[in-house]
Amino acid sequence: MLDHGYPDVYEFQVSRIWEEAELVVERQNRNLVSLAVIIQKATSTTGMTASKETVKGFSDFIKQLNGD
């Protein structure tokens, strides 16, 4: 919990620690799903079967993630 932004976790009640831990797990799972999508999109742009549209789509996707 400390390395996920809870420096005062020692002051929490056990029930609150459990709830916050569940939130941490949910955030980590969402991050892993996002990473999987990015890897899938990136690998689809490699190889002989990658079209210009696929490469452009990936580039646009990365720009969207960066807020551009």
PDB file of N, CA and C in Angstrom:
ATOM      1  N   MET A   1       0.824  -1.188   0.000  1.00  0.00           N
ATOM      2  CA  MET A   1       0.000   0.000   0.000  1.00  0.00           C
ATOM      3  C   MET A   1       0.873   1.258   0.000  1.00  0.00           C
ATOM      4  N   LEU A   2       2.010   1.174   0.655  1.00  0.00           N
ATOM      5  CA  LEU A   2       2.866   2.359   0.735  1.00  0.00           C
ATOM      6  C   LEU A   2       3.334   2.803  -0.648  1.00  0.00           C
ATOM      7  N   ASP A   3       3.678   1.851  -1.479  1.00  0.00           N
ATOM      8  CA  ASP A   3       4.190   2.216  -2.802  1.00  0.00           C
ATOM      9  C   ASP A   3       3.072   2.511  -3.806  1.00  0.00           C
ATOM     10  N   HIS A   4       1.826   2.549  -3.347  1.00  0.00           N
ATOM     11  CA  HIS A   4       0.707   2.907  -4.207  1.00  0.00           C
ATOM     12  C   HIS A   4       0.004   4.170  -3.735  1.00  0.00           C
ATOM     13  N   GLY A   5       0.720   4.997  -3.003  1.00  0.00           N
ATOM     14  CA  GLY A   5       0.198   6.303  -2.636  1.00  0.00           C
ATOM     15  C   GLY A   5      -0.545   6.375  -1.313  1.00  0.00           C
ATOM     16  N   TYR A   6      -0.258   5.456  -0.416  1.00  0.00           N
ATOM     17  CA  TYR A   6      -0.907   5.462   0.894  1.00  0.00           C
ATOM     18  C   TYR A   6       0.142   5.560   2.003  1.00  0.00           C
ATOM     19  N   PRO A   7       0.759   6.719   2.176  1.00  0.00           N
ATOM     20  CA  PRO A   7       1.821   6.841   3.179  1.00  0.00           C
ATOM     21  C   PRO A   7       1.318   6.713   4.620  1.00  0.00           C
ATOM     22  N   ASP A   8       0.042   6.971   4.841  1.00  0.00           N
ATOM     23  CA  ASP A   8      -0.492   6.891   6.201  1.00  0.00           C
ATOM     24  C   ASP A   8      -1.357   5.645   6.412  1.00  0.00           C
ATOM     25  N   VAL A   9      -1.067   4.598   5.667  1.00  0.00           N
ATOM     26  CA  VAL A   9      -1.854   3.366   5.746  1.00  0.00           C
ATOM     27  C   VAL A   9      -1.830   2.760   7.144  1.00  0.00           C
ATOM     28  N   TYR A  10      -0.787   3.023   7.890  1.00  0.00           N
ATOM     29  CA  TYR A  10      -0.691   2.472   9.243  1.00  0.00           C
ATOM     30  C   TYR A  10      -1.777   3.016  10.168  1.00  0.00           C
ATOM     31  N   GLU A  11      -2.364   4.133   9.799  1.00  0.00           N
ATOM     32  CA  GLU A  11      -3.410   4.747  10.612  1.00  0.00           C
ATOM     33  C   GLU A  11      -4.816   4.289  10.212  1.00  0.00           C
ATOM     34  N   PHE A  12      -4.938   3.537   9.136  1.00  0.00           N
ATOM     35  CA  PHE A  12      -6.238   3.083   8.649  1.00  0.00           C
ATOM     36  C   PHE A  12      -6.776   1.948   9.510  1.00  0.00           C
ATOM     37  N   GLN A  13      -8.095   1.844   9.551  1.00  0.00           N
ATOM     38  CA  GLN A  13      -8.729   0.680  10.155  1.00  0.00           C
ATOM     39  C   GLN A  13      -8.593  -0.485   9.176  1.00  0.00           C
ATOM     40  N   VAL A  14      -8.652  -1.694   9.686  1.00  0.00           N
ATOM     41  CA  VAL A  14      -8.458  -2.878   8.843  1.00  0.00           C
ATOM     42  C   VAL A  14      -9.470  -2.913   7.700  1.00  0.00           C
ATOM     43  N   SER A  15     -10.702  -2.558   7.977  1.00  0.00           N
ATOM     44  CA  SER A  15     -11.713  -2.587   6.918  1.00  0.00           C
ATOM     45  C   SER A  15     -11.386  -1.605   5.800  1.00  0.00           C
ATOM     46  N   ARG A  16     -10.845  -0.457   6.169  1.00  0.00           N
ATOM     47  CA  ARG A  16     -10.480   0.531   5.147  1.00  0.00           C
ATOM     48  C   ARG A  16      -9.266   0.063   4.350  1.00  0.00           C
ATOM     49  N   ILE A  17      -8.334  -0.581   5.012  1.00  0.00           N
ATOM     50  CA  ILE A  17      -7.159  -1.118   4.302  1.00  0.00           C
ATOM     51  C   ILE A  17      -7.631  -2.106   3.238  1.00  0.00           C
ATOM     52  N   TRP A  18      -8.581  -2.965   3.607  1.00  0.00           N
ATOM     53  CA  TRP A  18      -9.108  -3.959   2.667  1.00  0.00           C
ATOM     54  C   TRP A  18      -9.755  -3.271   1.458  1.00  0.00           C
ATOM     55  N   GLU A  19     -10.566  -2.264   1.701  1.00  0.00           N
ATOM     56  CA  GLU A  19     -11.230  -1.538   0.608  1.00  0.00           C
ATOM     57  C   GLU A  19     -10.211  -0.849  -0.298  1.00  0.00           C
ATOM     58  N   GLU A  20      -9.239  -0.212   0.312  1.00  0.00           N
ATOM     59  CA  GLU A  20      -8.225   0.497  -0.480  1.00  0.00           C
ATOM     60  C   GLU A  20      -7.362  -0.491  -1.269  1.00  0.00           C
ATOM     61  N   ALA A  21      -7.092  -1.640  -0.684  1.00  0.00           N
ATOM     62  CA  ALA A  21      -6.307  -2.663  -1.384  1.00  0.00           C
ATOM     63  C   ALA A  21      -7.065  -3.158  -2.617  1.00  0.00           C
ATOM     64  N   GLU A  22      -8.380  -3.301  -2.477  1.00  0.00           N
ATOM     65  CA  GLU A  22      -9.182  -3.698  -3.634  1.00  0.00           C
ATOM     66  C   GLU A  22      -9.114  -2.650  -4.742  1.00  0.00           C
ATOM     67  N   LEU A  23      -9.115  -1.375  -4.362  1.00  0.00           N
ATOM     68  CA  LEU A  23      -8.986  -0.304  -5.359  1.00  0.00           C
ATOM     69  C   LEU A  23      -7.637  -0.359  -6.060  1.00  0.00           C
ATOM     70  N   VAL A  24      -6.585  -0.645  -5.300  1.00  0.00           N
ATOM     71  CA  VAL A  24      -5.249  -0.757  -5.884  1.00  0.00           C
ATOM     72  C   VAL A  24      -5.222  -1.887  -6.907  1.00  0.00           C
ATOM     73  N   VAL A  25      -5.808  -3.021  -6.557  1.00  0.00           N
ATOM     74  CA  VAL A  25      -5.839  -4.169  -7.468  1.00  0.00           C
ATOM     75  C   VAL A  25      -6.626  -3.826  -8.730  1.00  0.00           C
ATOM     76  N   GLU A  26      -7.751  -3.148  -8.588  1.00  0.00           N
ATOM     77  CA  GLU A  26      -8.529  -2.738  -9.755  1.00  0.00           C
ATOM     78  C   GLU A  26      -7.726  -1.824 -10.671  1.00  0.00           C
ATOM     79  N   ARG A  27      -7.026  -0.853 -10.080  1.00  0.00           N
ATOM     80  CA  ARG A  27      -6.195   0.053 -10.888  1.00  0.00           C
ATOM     81  C   ARG A  27      -5.091  -0.713 -11.600  1.00  0.00           C
ATOM     82  N   GLN A  28      -4.442  -1.630 -10.895  1.00  0.00           N
ATOM     83  CA  GLN A  28      -3.379  -2.409 -11.518  1.00  0.00           C
ATOM     84  C   GLN A  28      -3.920  -3.264 -12.658  1.00  0.00           C
ATOM     85  N   ASN A  29      -5.089  -3.852 -12.458  1.00  0.00           N
ATOM     86  CA  ASN A  29      -5.682  -4.670 -13.517  1.00  0.00           C
ATOM     87  C   ASN A  29      -6.025  -3.832 -14.739  1.00  0.00           C
ATOM     88  N   ARG A  30      -6.562  -2.633 -14.523  1.00  0.00           N
ATOM     89  CA  ARG A  30      -6.854  -1.745 -15.659  1.00  0.00           C
ATOM     90  C   ARG A  30      -5.568  -1.371 -16.390  1.00  0.00           C
ATOM     91  N   ASN A  31      -4.505  -1.119 -15.645  1.00  0.00           N
ATOM     92  CA  ASN A  31      -3.225  -0.793 -16.276  1.00  0.00           C
ATOM     93  C   ASN A  31      -2.705  -1.964 -17.106  1.00  0.00           C
ATOM     94  N   LEU A  32      -2.877  -3.176 -16.595  1.00  0.00           N
ATOM     95  CA  LEU A  32      -2.435  -4.352 -17.344  1.00  0.00           C
ATOM     96  C   LEU A  32      -3.253  -4.550 -18.617  1.00  0.00           C
ATOM     97  N   VAL A  33      -4.542  -4.301 -18.546  1.00  0.00           N
ATOM     98  CA  VAL A  33      -5.386  -4.400 -19.736  1.00  0.00           C
ATOM     99  C   VAL A  33      -4.950  -3.362 -20.768  1.00  0.00           C
ATOM    100  N   SER A  34      -4.700  -2.156 -20.317  1.00  0.00           N
ATOM    101  CA  SER A  34      -4.234  -1.105 -21.229  1.00  0.00           C
ATOM    102  C   SER A  34      -2.913  -1.493 -21.877  1.00  0.00           C
ATOM    103  N   LEU A  35      -2.018  -2.025 -21.085  1.00  0.00           N
ATOM    104  CA  LEU A  35      -0.723  -2.455 -21.618  1.00  0.00           C
ATOM    105  C   LEU A  35      -0.900  -3.573 -22.643  1.00  0.00           C
ATOM    106  N   ALA A  36      -1.795  -4.511 -22.369  1.00  0.00           N
ATOM    107  CA  ALA A  36      -2.050  -5.599 -23.313  1.00  0.00           C
ATOM    108  C   ALA A  36      -2.590  -5.071 -24.637  1.00  0.00           C
ATOM    109  N   VAL A  37      -3.488  -4.093 -24.571  1.00  0.00           N
ATOM    110  CA  VAL A  37      -4.037  -3.501 -25.792  1.00  0.00           C
ATOM    111  C   VAL A  37      -2.934  -2.796 -26.576  1.00  0.00           C
ATOM    112  N   ILE A  38      -2.092  -2.066 -25.875  1.00  0.00           N
ATOM    113  CA  ILE A  38      -0.993  -1.361 -26.550  1.00  0.00           C
ATOM    114  C   ILE A  38      -0.048  -2.353 -27.209  1.00  0.00           C
ATOM    115  N   ILE A  39       0.300  -3.419 -26.503  1.00  0.00           N
ATOM    116  CA  ILE A  39       1.198  -4.431 -27.082  1.00  0.00           C
ATOM    117  C   ILE A  39       0.552  -5.084 -28.296  1.00  0.00           C
ATOM    118  N   GLN A  40      -0.737  -5.409 -28.192  1.00  0.00           N
ATOM    119  CA  GLN A  40      -1.429  -6.023 -29.320  1.00  0.00           C
ATOM    120  C   GLN A  40      -1.439  -5.087 -30.521  1.00  0.00           C
ATOM    121  N   LYS A  41      -1.744  -3.814 -30.292  1.00  0.00           N
ATOM    122  CA  LYS A  41      -1.762  -2.848 -31.390  1.00  0.00           C
ATOM    123  C   LYS A  41      -0.362  -2.664 -31.983  1.00  0.00           C
ATOM    124  N   ALA A  42       0.646  -2.626 -31.116  1.00  0.00           N
ATOM    125  CA  ALA A  42       2.018  -2.439 -31.598  1.00  0.00           C
ATOM    126  C   ALA A  42       2.478  -3.630 -32.435  1.00  0.00           C
ATOM    127  N   THR A  43       2.173  -4.825 -31.978  1.00  0.00           N
ATOM    128  CA  THR A  43       2.613  -6.002 -32.737  1.00  0.00           C
ATOM    129  C   THR A  43       1.857  -6.136 -34.051  1.00  0.00           C
ATOM    130  N   SER A  44       0.645  -5.584 -34.116  1.00  0.00           N
ATOM    131  CA  SER A  44      -0.097  -5.661 -35.377  1.00  0.00           C
ATOM    132  C   SER A  44       0.504  -4.758 -36.445  1.00  0.00           C
ATOM    133  N   THR A  45       1.391  -3.852 -36.049  1.00  0.00           N
ATOM    134  CA  THR A  45       2.008  -2.948 -37.029  1.00  0.00           C
ATOM    135  C   THR A  45       3.319  -3.506 -37.565  1.00  0.00           C
ATOM    136  N   THR A  46       3.723  -4.665 -37.082  1.00  0.00           N
ATOM    137  CA  THR A  46       4.984  -5.255 -37.531  1.00  0.00           C
ATOM    138  C   THR A  46       4.704  -6.371 -38.526  1.00  0.00           C
ATOM    139  N   GLY A  47       5.694  -6.723 -39.259  1.00  0.00           N
ATOM    140  CA  GLY A  47       5.576  -7.832 -40.198  1.00  0.00           C
ATOM    141  C   GLY A  47       5.101  -7.402 -41.568  1.00  0.00           C
ATOM    142  N   MET A  48       5.066  -8.367 -42.442  1.00  0.00           N
ATOM    143  CA  MET A  48       4.723  -8.093 -43.836  1.00  0.00           C
ATOM    144  C   MET A  48       3.238  -7.854 -44.037  1.00  0.00           C
ATOM    145  N   THR A  49       2.414  -8.242 -43.077  1.00  0.00           N
ATOM    146  CA  THR A  49       0.976  -8.102 -43.251  1.00  0.00           C
ATOM    147  C   THR A  49       0.444  -6.761 -42.761  1.00  0.00           C
ATOM    148  N   ALA A  50       1.292  -5.951 -42.170  1.00  0.00           N
ATOM    149  CA  ALA A  50       0.844  -4.659 -41.624  1.00  0.00           C
ATOM    150  C   ALA A  50       0.553  -3.685 -42.765  1.00  0.00           C
ATOM    151  N   SER A  51      -0.632  -3.126 -42.731  1.00  0.00           N
ATOM    152  CA  SER A  51      -0.999  -2.150 -43.753  1.00  0.00           C
ATOM    153  C   SER A  51      -0.663  -0.743 -43.264  1.00  0.00           C
ATOM    154  N   LYS A  52      -0.684   0.193 -44.191  1.00  0.00           N
ATOM    155  CA  LYS A  52      -0.441   1.589 -43.826  1.00  0.00           C
ATOM    156  C   LYS A  52      -1.516   2.085 -42.877  1.00  0.00           C
ATOM    157  N   GLU A  53      -2.747   1.614 -43.062  1.00  0.00           N
ATOM    158  CA  GLU A  53      -3.846   2.021 -42.183  1.00  0.00           C
ATOM    159  C   GLU A  53      -3.617   1.542 -40.753  1.00  0.00           C
ATOM    160  N   THR A  54      -3.076   0.317 -40.619  1.00  0.00           N
ATOM    161  CA  THR A  54      -2.802  -0.228 -39.293  1.00  0.00           C
ATOM    162  C   THR A  54      -1.731   0.589 -38.585  1.00  0.00           C
ATOM    163  N   VAL A  55      -0.676   0.912 -39.309  1.00  0.00           N
ATOM    164  CA  VAL A  55       0.410   1.710 -38.741  1.00  0.00           C
ATOM    165  C   VAL A  55      -0.101   3.096 -38.358  1.00  0.00           C
ATOM    166  N   LYS A  56      -0.891   3.711 -39.229  1.00  0.00           N
ATOM    167  CA  LYS A  56      -1.459   5.024 -38.922  1.00  0.00           C
ATOM    168  C   LYS A  56      -2.409   4.936 -37.728  1.00  0.00           C
ATOM    169  N   GLY A  57      -3.208   3.881 -37.679  1.00  0.00           N
ATOM    170  CA  GLY A  57      -4.124   3.701 -36.559  1.00  0.00           C
ATOM    171  C   GLY A  57      -3.387   3.602 -35.235  1.00  0.00           C
ATOM    172  N   PHE A  58      -2.265   2.882 -35.229  1.00  0.00           N
ATOM    173  CA  PHE A  58      -1.465   2.767 -34.010  1.00  0.00           C
ATOM    174  C   PHE A  58      -0.870   4.114 -33.637  1.00  0.00           C
ATOM    175  N   SER A  59      -0.366   4.817 -34.617  1.00  0.00           N
ATOM    176  CA  SER A  59       0.205   6.138 -34.367  1.00  0.00           C
ATOM    177  C   SER A  59      -0.847   7.084 -33.790  1.00  0.00           C
ATOM    178  N   ASP A  60      -2.049   7.050 -34.347  1.00  0.00           N
ATOM    179  CA  ASP A  60      -3.142   7.883 -33.836  1.00  0.00           C
ATOM    180  C   ASP A  60      -3.524   7.480 -32.411  1.00  0.00           C
ATOM    181  N   PHE A  61      -3.519   6.181 -32.156  1.00  0.00           N
ATOM    182  CA  PHE A  61      -3.832   5.667 -30.822  1.00  0.00           C
ATOM    183  C   PHE A  61      -2.843   6.191 -29.785  1.00  0.00           C
ATOM    184  N   ILE A  62      -1.560   6.157 -30.115  1.00  0.00           N
ATOM    185  CA  ILE A  62      -0.518   6.651 -29.194  1.00  0.00           C
ATOM    186  C   ILE A  62      -0.673   8.149 -28.993  1.00  0.00           C
ATOM    187  N   LYS A  63      -0.973   8.877 -30.038  1.00  0.00           N
ATOM    188  CA  LYS A  63      -1.193  10.314 -29.900  1.00  0.00           C
ATOM    189  C   LYS A  63      -2.365  10.593 -28.982  1.00  0.00           C
ATOM    190  N   GLN A  64      -3.428   9.808 -29.113  1.00  0.00           N
ATOM    191  CA  GLN A  64      -4.603   9.969 -28.248  1.00  0.00           C
ATOM    192  C   GLN A  64      -4.232   9.697 -26.795  1.00  0.00           C
ATOM    193  N   LEU A  65      -3.423   8.677 -26.539  1.00  0.00           N
ATOM    194  CA  LEU A  65      -2.996   8.382 -25.167  1.00  0.00           C
ATOM    195  C   LEU A  65      -2.171   9.518 -24.584  1.00  0.00           C
ATOM    196  N   ASN A  66      -1.406  10.187 -25.431  1.00  0.00           N
ATOM    197  CA  ASN A  66      -0.588  11.304 -24.979  1.00  0.00           C
ATOM    198  C   ASN A  66      -1.368  12.614 -24.888  1.00  0.00           C
ATOM    199  N   GLY A  67      -2.618  12.595 -25.311  1.00  0.00           N
ATOM    200  CA  GLY A  67      -3.435  13.799 -25.232  1.00  0.00           C
ATOM    201  C   GLY A  67      -3.211  14.749 -26.371  1.00  0.00           C
ATOM    202  N   ASP A  68      -2.610  14.279 -27.436  1.00  0.00           N
ATOM    203  CA  ASP A  68      -2.355  15.137 -28.603  1.00  0.00           C
ATOM    204  C   ASP A  68      -3.558  15.200 -29.509  1.00  0.00           C
TER     205      ASP A  68
END
